[in-house]
Amino acid sequence: MDGLLDDRSVGIIVCCGSGGVGKTTTSAALALRAAERGRRVVVLTIDPARRLAQSMGIEALDNTPRPVSSVDTSAGGSLDAMMLDMKRTFDEVVEAQASPEKARAILENPFYVTLSSSFAGTQEYMAMEKLGQIRADAQRDGTYDLIVVDTPPSRSALDFLDAPERLSRFLDGRFIKLMLAPAKGPARIVSAGFGLITNALTRILGAQVLRDLQTFVAAIDTVFGGFRQRAMKTYALLQADGTAFLVVASPEPDALREAAYFVERLSEDRMPLAGLVVNRSSPVPQGDLSADEAMAAAERLRAQDPTSLTAGLLRLHADQTRLVEREGALRAGFARAHPQVATTLVPALATDVHDLRGLRRIGELLAAGTDET
């Protein structure tokens, strides 16, 4: 892991995976470790729980990178953190591409408010939009040499790659073109047919709602006509040699199955995969006593003394040993299916991570984790 963080040709690290597997903690720990090893880092999180801000000692994160204090900068590095504001990022795109008057009309349109706040795929698309903005600013101003991205907590890890294309397809799709079809020339027949539809919509929704929709569509066409091109540019950035994907999972069947899907998708899309991080792995119990031997000894002791504390400890040892064996079998199955993917194990901690000290500890475990290449 340290080799990845120290590689100056790597400018973007994307931590991805299903929800609840520790992507935010992994992203923050990697960013902190890279900064304290001399990189100028910004970490972008999309975690709505705002745990990253608490861990990094920042009262509130927003759409602007904020410096993290108490970071060891003796190696020449630095660390900023930010949290994606989905609507604010969308608003920034509008303001950058439209005149002040047109931008104000778009921002106040009810359909735009809905699209920018809750349309399926908007969060994922805006995460990549913000990544592109940060990358462009960093290259222009020389502010950062590493961007760490914590991907959205989607229902499925694949949503992260699919949603931007879905959103761009909608904004560049036939519905938009139909709404804008001129009532003349070859489009006259289409417009006549569409007039029947709009008349029906007017009766159902009302004239004001329909006017708002048409105003929104016209604005989208003039300001966002190149959404598909923007999505393609983002894909090119993710496919570049300077980007590295880390798939994060927990040692559970569903999480590793999702990780396998993501690894396969990254391969199909020719995106550079650095490896798999398995978080919260169960620690191996000390000693050579097998689970069966521990259970047999516990039963003998319980037969002699039902209150035996030693018997209880032997049962705990057996349960922990079997848990470790089960997790090992799951990882072995993943490795057989994907032998080319290097895997790092991070053991579960006794307490939650809530400060820089905890993040440093996670960073150390990531660097020293068992490598199951």
Protein backbone atom coordinates (compact mmCIF):
# COMPACT_ATOMS: atom_id res chain seq x y z
CA MET A 1 0.00 0.00 0.00
CA ASP A 2 2.83 2.41 0.76
CA GLY A 3 4.25 1.73 -2.69
CA LEU A 4 0.95 2.90 -4.19
CA LEU A 5 0.85 6.04 -2.02
CA ASP A 6 4.48 6.90 -2.76
CA ASP A 7 4.12 6.45 -6.53
CA ARG A 8 4.10 10.04 -7.85
CA SER A 9 2.64 8.89 -11.16
CA VAL A 10 -0.58 7.99 -9.30
CA GLY A 11 -2.68 11.15 -8.98
CA ILE A 12 -6.11 9.69 -8.17
CA ILE A 13 -7.09 6.84 -5.86
CA VAL A 14 -10.76 5.79 -5.98
CA CYS A 15 -12.07 3.70 -3.08
CA CYS A 16 -15.18 1.83 -4.17
CA GLY A 17 -17.39 -0.99 -3.00
CA SER A 18 -20.82 -1.63 -1.52
CA GLY A 19 -22.24 0.33 1.40
CA GLY A 20 -21.13 -0.24 4.99
CA VAL A 21 -17.73 -1.80 4.25
CA GLY A 22 -15.54 1.05 5.49
CA LYS A 23 -14.85 3.04 2.30
CA THR A 24 -14.91 6.38 4.14
CA THR A 25 -12.50 5.26 6.85
CA THR A 26 -10.21 3.63 4.28
CA SER A 27 -10.20 6.77 2.12
CA ALA A 28 -9.43 9.05 5.05
CA ALA A 29 -6.71 6.76 6.41
CA LEU A 30 -5.01 6.48 3.02
CA ALA A 31 -5.18 10.26 2.52
CA LEU A 32 -3.68 10.93 5.95
CA ARG A 33 -0.90 8.38 5.48
CA ALA A 34 -0.05 9.74 2.03
CA ALA A 35 0.08 13.31 3.37
CA GLU A 36 2.38 12.32 6.22
CA ARG A 37 4.63 10.55 3.71
CA GLY A 38 5.04 13.77 1.70
CA ARG A 39 2.11 13.93 -0.73
CA ARG A 40 -0.10 17.03 -1.11
CA VAL A 41 -3.49 15.36 -0.74
CA VAL A 42 -7.17 16.21 -0.88
CA VAL A 43 -9.79 13.63 0.11
CA LEU A 44 -13.30 13.91 -1.31
CA THR A 45 -16.03 12.08 0.58
CA ILE A 46 -19.67 11.53 -0.30
CA ASP A 47 -20.60 9.94 3.03
CA PRO A 48 -23.80 11.51 4.37
CA ALA A 49 -23.01 10.46 7.96
CA ARG A 50 -20.24 13.11 8.12
CA ARG A 51 -17.97 10.78 10.09
CA LEU A 52 -14.97 11.97 8.11
CA ALA A 53 -15.30 15.51 9.44
CA GLN A 54 -15.39 14.23 12.99
CA SER A 55 -12.41 11.92 12.49
CA MET A 56 -10.33 14.72 11.00
CA GLY A 57 -11.19 17.27 13.63
CA ILE A 58 -13.09 19.54 11.24
CA GLU A 59 -16.37 20.88 12.58
CA ALA A 60 -18.04 20.79 9.18
CA LEU A 61 -17.03 19.79 5.69
CA ASP A 62 -18.51 21.40 2.61
CA ASN A 63 -17.94 21.67 -1.13
CA THR A 64 -14.66 23.53 -0.65
CA PRO A 65 -11.44 21.75 0.46
CA ARG A 66 -10.56 22.58 4.09
CA PRO A 67 -7.11 22.03 5.64
CA VAL A 68 -6.86 19.30 8.27
CA SER A 69 -4.92 20.38 11.34
CA SER A 70 -2.58 18.22 13.46
CA VAL A 71 -1.19 16.50 10.36
CA ASP A 72 2.57 15.80 10.48
CA THR A 73 3.91 17.90 7.60
CA SER A 74 7.61 17.27 8.29
CA ALA A 75 7.89 15.24 5.07
CA GLY A 76 6.53 18.15 3.04
CA GLY A 77 2.97 16.90 2.61
CA SER A 78 -0.40 18.42 3.39
CA LEU A 79 -3.99 17.25 3.73
CA ASP A 80 -7.27 18.94 2.80
CA ALA A 81 -10.72 17.36 3.10
CA MET A 82 -14.10 18.12 1.59
CA MET A 83 -17.57 16.63 1.37
CA LEU A 84 -19.56 16.61 -1.85
CA ASP A 85 -22.51 18.97 -1.87
CA MET A 86 -24.43 17.43 -4.76
CA LYS A 87 -26.74 20.37 -5.45
CA ARG A 88 -24.00 22.98 -4.97
CA THR A 89 -21.80 21.17 -7.50
CA PHE A 90 -24.67 21.07 -9.98
CA ASP A 91 -25.29 24.78 -9.36
CA GLU A 92 -21.62 25.53 -10.03
CA VAL A 93 -21.85 23.83 -13.43
CA VAL A 94 -24.88 25.96 -14.27
CA GLU A 95 -23.22 29.18 -13.12
CA ALA A 96 -20.06 28.40 -15.07
CA GLN A 97 -21.88 27.74 -18.35
CA ALA A 98 -24.72 30.27 -18.38
CA SER A 99 -25.13 34.01 -18.13
CA PRO A 100 -26.15 35.30 -14.68
CA GLU A 101 -29.74 35.87 -15.82
CA LYS A 102 -30.09 32.45 -17.44
CA ALA A 103 -28.37 30.74 -14.52
CA ARG A 104 -30.80 32.34 -12.08
CA ALA A 105 -33.77 31.19 -14.17
CA ILE A 106 -32.43 27.63 -14.24
CA LEU A 107 -31.59 27.50 -10.53
CA GLU A 108 -35.11 28.65 -9.62
CA ASN A 109 -36.87 26.22 -11.95
CA PRO A 110 -38.81 23.54 -9.97
CA PHE A 111 -37.75 20.74 -12.31
CA TYR A 112 -34.09 21.71 -11.96
CA VAL A 113 -34.41 21.74 -8.16
CA THR A 114 -35.77 18.17 -8.28
CA LEU A 115 -33.14 16.96 -10.76
CA SER A 116 -30.22 18.48 -8.87
CA SER A 117 -31.43 17.19 -5.50
CA SER A 118 -32.87 13.72 -6.01
CA PHE A 119 -32.66 12.39 -9.58
CA ALA A 120 -31.24 8.86 -9.65
CA GLY A 121 -27.57 9.05 -10.57
CA THR A 122 -27.09 12.75 -9.83
CA GLN A 123 -24.93 12.11 -6.77
CA GLU A 124 -22.65 9.72 -8.62
CA TYR A 125 -22.38 12.03 -11.63
CA MET A 126 -21.63 15.08 -9.48
CA ALA A 127 -18.98 13.16 -7.57
CA MET A 128 -17.16 12.64 -10.84
CA GLU A 129 -17.87 16.23 -11.91
CA LYS A 130 -16.26 17.46 -8.69
CA LEU A 131 -13.33 15.09 -9.19
CA GLY A 132 -12.79 16.58 -12.65
CA GLN A 133 -12.95 20.11 -11.24
CA ILE A 134 -10.44 19.37 -8.50
CA ARG A 135 -8.10 17.64 -10.94
CA ALA A 136 -8.21 20.56 -13.37
CA ASP A 137 -7.66 23.13 -10.60
CA ALA A 138 -4.80 21.09 -9.11
CA GLN A 139 -3.03 20.81 -12.46
CA ARG A 140 -3.49 24.54 -13.09
CA ASP A 141 -2.51 25.79 -9.62
CA GLY A 142 -0.23 22.99 -8.43
CA THR A 143 -2.23 22.55 -5.24
CA TYR A 144 -2.50 18.75 -4.97
CA ASP A 145 -0.58 15.80 -6.37
CA LEU A 146 -3.01 13.16 -5.04
CA ILE A 147 -6.81 13.05 -4.90
CA VAL A 148 -8.47 10.32 -2.82
CA VAL A 149 -12.15 9.72 -3.65
CA ASP A 150 -14.66 8.02 -1.38
CA THR A 151 -17.43 6.87 -3.72
CA PRO A 152 -21.17 7.26 -2.96
CA PRO A 153 -22.86 4.75 -0.66
CA SER A 154 -24.99 3.33 -3.48
CA ARG A 155 -27.29 0.34 -3.20
CA SER A 156 -24.96 -1.40 -5.60
CA ALA A 157 -21.28 -0.67 -6.19
CA LEU A 158 -21.94 -0.79 -9.92
CA ASP A 159 -24.17 2.29 -9.66
CA PHE A 160 -21.02 4.37 -9.35
CA LEU A 161 -19.99 3.50 -12.91
CA ASP A 162 -23.48 3.29 -14.43
CA ALA A 163 -25.21 6.37 -13.03
CA PRO A 164 -23.21 9.09 -14.83
CA GLU A 165 -24.00 7.49 -18.17
CA ARG A 166 -27.68 7.13 -17.23
CA LEU A 167 -27.92 10.81 -16.31
CA SER A 168 -26.09 11.96 -19.44
CA ARG A 169 -28.29 9.69 -21.58
CA PHE A 170 -31.40 11.29 -20.08
CA LEU A 171 -30.17 14.85 -20.62
CA ASP A 172 -29.08 14.12 -24.19
CA GLY A 173 -31.91 11.71 -24.94
CA ARG A 174 -34.87 11.60 -27.31
CA PHE A 175 -37.26 13.10 -24.78
CA ILE A 176 -35.19 16.27 -24.59
CA LYS A 177 -34.90 16.48 -28.38
CA LEU A 178 -38.64 15.89 -28.78
CA MET A 179 -39.48 18.64 -26.33
CA LEU A 180 -37.31 21.00 -28.39
CA ALA A 181 -38.53 19.90 -31.83
CA PRO A 182 -39.34 22.99 -33.94
CA ALA A 183 -42.84 23.30 -35.33
CA LYS A 184 -41.69 23.58 -38.93
CA GLY A 185 -40.09 21.62 -41.74
CA PRO A 186 -39.67 17.85 -41.35
CA ALA A 187 -40.37 18.08 -37.63
CA ARG A 188 -43.91 19.40 -38.23
CA ILE A 189 -45.50 15.95 -38.08
CA VAL A 190 -43.58 15.08 -34.91
CA SER A 191 -44.57 18.40 -33.35
CA ALA A 192 -48.20 17.86 -34.30
CA GLY A 193 -48.17 14.48 -32.61
CA PHE A 194 -46.38 15.90 -29.62
CA GLY A 195 -49.01 18.64 -29.42
CA LEU A 196 -51.57 15.97 -28.60
CA ILE A 197 -49.33 14.79 -25.79
CA THR A 198 -48.79 18.29 -24.41
CA ASN A 199 -52.52 18.95 -24.50
CA ALA A 200 -53.09 15.82 -22.44
CA LEU A 201 -50.28 16.79 -20.04
CA THR A 202 -51.77 20.27 -19.68
CA ARG A 203 -55.09 18.77 -18.62
CA ILE A 204 -53.40 16.46 -16.13
CA LEU A 205 -50.61 18.65 -14.75
CA GLY A 206 -51.77 22.17 -15.52
CA ALA A 207 -50.39 24.76 -17.89
CA GLN A 208 -47.88 26.23 -15.37
CA VAL A 209 -46.28 22.87 -14.64
CA LEU A 210 -45.93 22.16 -18.34
CA ARG A 211 -44.43 25.60 -18.99
CA ASP A 212 -41.93 24.99 -16.17
CA LEU A 213 -41.01 21.66 -17.77
CA GLN A 214 -40.55 23.19 -21.21
CA THR A 215 -38.49 26.06 -19.78
CA PHE A 216 -36.32 23.56 -17.95
CA VAL A 217 -35.81 21.43 -21.05
CA ALA A 218 -34.85 24.46 -23.15
CA ALA A 219 -32.34 25.55 -20.51
CA ILE A 220 -30.87 22.05 -20.23
CA ASP A 221 -30.38 21.94 -24.00
CA THR A 222 -28.46 25.22 -24.10
CA VAL A 223 -26.37 24.66 -20.97
CA PHE A 224 -25.95 20.87 -20.76
CA GLY A 225 -26.01 19.78 -24.38
CA GLY A 226 -22.63 18.14 -23.92
CA PHE A 227 -23.42 16.00 -20.89
CA ARG A 228 -22.54 12.80 -22.70
CA GLN A 229 -19.21 14.29 -23.76
CA ARG A 230 -18.55 15.27 -20.14
CA ALA A 231 -19.31 11.70 -19.05
CA MET A 232 -16.91 10.35 -21.67
CA LYS A 233 -14.22 12.75 -20.48
CA THR A 234 -14.73 11.56 -16.91
CA TYR A 235 -14.44 7.93 -18.04
CA ALA A 236 -11.19 8.77 -19.80
CA LEU A 237 -9.86 10.28 -16.57
CA LEU A 238 -10.82 7.15 -14.63
CA GLN A 239 -9.16 4.92 -17.24
CA ALA A 240 -5.90 6.89 -17.26
CA ASP A 241 -2.67 5.39 -15.94
CA GLY A 242 -2.56 7.98 -13.14
CA THR A 243 -5.76 6.57 -11.58
CA ALA A 244 -5.89 3.57 -9.23
CA PHE A 245 -9.05 1.83 -8.01
CA LEU A 246 -9.15 0.13 -4.63
CA VAL A 247 -12.13 -2.15 -4.08
CA VAL A 248 -13.13 -2.22 -0.41
CA ALA A 249 -15.11 -5.08 1.12
CA SER A 250 -15.83 -6.75 4.42
CA PRO A 251 -15.30 -10.49 4.96
CA GLU A 252 -18.96 -11.28 4.30
CA PRO A 253 -20.48 -13.22 1.37
CA ASP A 254 -22.57 -10.32 0.01
CA ALA A 255 -19.74 -7.77 0.26
CA LEU A 256 -17.20 -10.05 -1.43
CA ARG A 257 -19.73 -10.99 -4.11
CA GLU A 258 -20.25 -7.27 -4.79
CA ALA A 259 -16.48 -6.77 -4.83
CA ALA A 260 -16.16 -9.55 -7.42
CA TYR A 261 -18.77 -7.87 -9.63
CA PHE A 262 -16.92 -4.58 -9.34
CA VAL A 263 -13.54 -6.14 -10.17
CA GLU A 264 -15.06 -7.72 -13.27
CA ARG A 265 -16.68 -4.45 -14.32
CA LEU A 266 -13.46 -2.48 -13.85
CA SER A 267 -11.69 -5.02 -16.02
CA GLU A 268 -14.37 -4.78 -18.72
CA ASP A 269 -14.10 -0.97 -18.74
CA ARG A 270 -10.27 -1.11 -18.74
CA MET A 271 -9.98 0.83 -15.50
CA PRO A 272 -6.77 0.36 -13.46
CA LEU A 273 -7.34 -1.83 -10.41
CA ALA A 274 -4.76 -1.61 -7.63
CA GLY A 275 -6.23 -4.30 -5.39
CA LEU A 276 -8.79 -5.38 -2.80
CA VAL A 277 -8.95 -4.21 0.82
CA VAL A 278 -10.81 -6.57 3.15
CA ASN A 279 -11.81 -4.54 6.20
CA ARG A 280 -12.68 -5.76 9.68
CA SER A 281 -11.14 -9.18 9.28
CA SER A 282 -11.43 -11.28 12.42
CA PRO A 283 -8.13 -11.67 14.31
CA VAL A 284 -6.65 -15.16 14.44
CA PRO A 285 -6.79 -16.59 17.99
CA GLN A 286 -3.47 -17.40 19.64
CA GLY A 287 -2.35 -20.98 20.02
CA ASP A 288 -2.59 -24.08 17.84
CA LEU A 289 -5.78 -25.51 19.33
CA SER A 290 -8.34 -26.31 16.61
CA ALA A 291 -12.02 -25.47 16.95
CA ASP A 292 -13.00 -29.12 17.32
CA GLU A 293 -10.36 -29.73 19.97
CA ALA A 294 -11.44 -26.61 21.90
CA MET A 295 -15.13 -27.66 21.81
CA ALA A 296 -14.32 -31.20 22.92
CA ALA A 297 -12.25 -29.91 25.85
CA ALA A 298 -15.00 -27.43 26.79
CA GLU A 299 -17.61 -30.21 26.86
CA ARG A 300 -15.41 -32.38 29.11
CA LEU A 301 -14.88 -29.48 31.53
CA ARG A 302 -18.59 -28.57 31.53
CA ALA A 303 -19.46 -32.18 32.36
CA GLN A 304 -17.29 -31.91 35.46
CA ASP A 305 -18.17 -28.29 36.35
CA PRO A 306 -21.12 -26.58 34.63
CA THR A 307 -19.82 -23.16 35.77
CA SER A 308 -16.28 -23.66 34.43
CA LEU A 309 -14.82 -20.35 33.19
CA THR A 310 -12.17 -22.25 31.25
CA ALA A 311 -14.88 -24.11 29.35
CA GLY A 312 -16.46 -20.80 28.37
CA LEU A 313 -13.12 -19.47 27.13
CA LEU A 314 -12.55 -22.64 25.10
CA ARG A 315 -15.97 -22.18 23.45
CA LEU A 316 -15.07 -18.59 22.58
CA HIS A 317 -11.78 -19.82 21.10
CA ALA A 318 -13.66 -22.39 19.02
CA ASP A 319 -16.19 -19.82 17.76
CA GLN A 320 -13.43 -17.36 16.83
CA THR A 321 -11.40 -20.05 15.08
CA ARG A 322 -14.40 -21.12 13.01
CA LEU A 323 -15.15 -17.49 12.12
CA VAL A 324 -11.57 -17.01 10.91
CA GLU A 325 -11.79 -20.24 8.90
CA ARG A 326 -15.09 -19.13 7.33
CA GLU A 327 -13.65 -15.76 6.33
CA GLY A 328 -10.54 -17.47 4.96
CA ALA A 329 -12.70 -19.75 2.82
CA LEU A 330 -14.59 -16.74 1.43
CA ARG A 331 -11.34 -14.96 0.54
CA ALA A 332 -9.94 -18.13 -1.00
CA GLY A 333 -13.01 -18.37 -3.22
CA PHE A 334 -12.51 -14.78 -4.33
CA ALA A 335 -8.81 -15.43 -4.99
CA ARG A 336 -9.56 -18.49 -7.13
CA ALA A 337 -11.94 -16.46 -9.26
CA HIS A 338 -9.63 -13.42 -9.43
CA PRO A 339 -6.03 -14.60 -8.95
CA GLN A 340 -4.60 -11.38 -10.40
CA VAL A 341 -6.07 -9.16 -7.63
CA ALA A 342 -3.75 -8.44 -4.70
CA THR A 343 -5.60 -8.47 -1.37
CA THR A 344 -4.76 -6.66 1.86
CA LEU A 345 -6.44 -7.61 5.13
CA VAL A 346 -7.21 -5.02 7.81
CA PRO A 347 -8.18 -6.56 11.17
CA ALA A 348 -11.20 -5.28 13.07
CA LEU A 349 -10.44 -2.79 15.84
CA ALA A 350 -11.94 -2.95 19.30
CA THR A 351 -13.30 0.60 19.01
CA ASP A 352 -14.66 2.86 16.28
CA VAL A 353 -12.35 5.31 14.51
CA HIS A 354 -13.14 8.85 15.62
CA ASP A 355 -9.91 10.86 15.41
CA LEU A 356 -6.59 11.21 13.56
CA ARG A 357 -4.95 8.72 15.89
CA GLY A 358 -7.46 6.09 14.83
CA LEU A 359 -6.97 6.95 11.17
CA ARG A 360 -3.19 6.63 11.57
CA ARG A 361 -3.70 3.20 13.08
CA ILE A 362 -5.85 2.14 10.11
CA GLY A 363 -3.18 3.49 7.77
CA GLU A 364 -0.54 1.41 9.52
CA LEU A 365 -2.71 -1.69 9.26
CA LEU A 366 -3.32 -1.02 5.56
CA ALA A 367 0.42 -0.75 4.97
CA ALA A 368 1.29 -3.80 7.06
CA GLY A 369 -1.78 -5.87 6.17
CA THR A 370 -1.47 -9.48 5.14
CA ASP A 371 -0.80 -9.57 1.40
CA GLU A 372 -2.69 -12.44 -0.23
CA THR A 373 -1.54 -11.86 -3.81
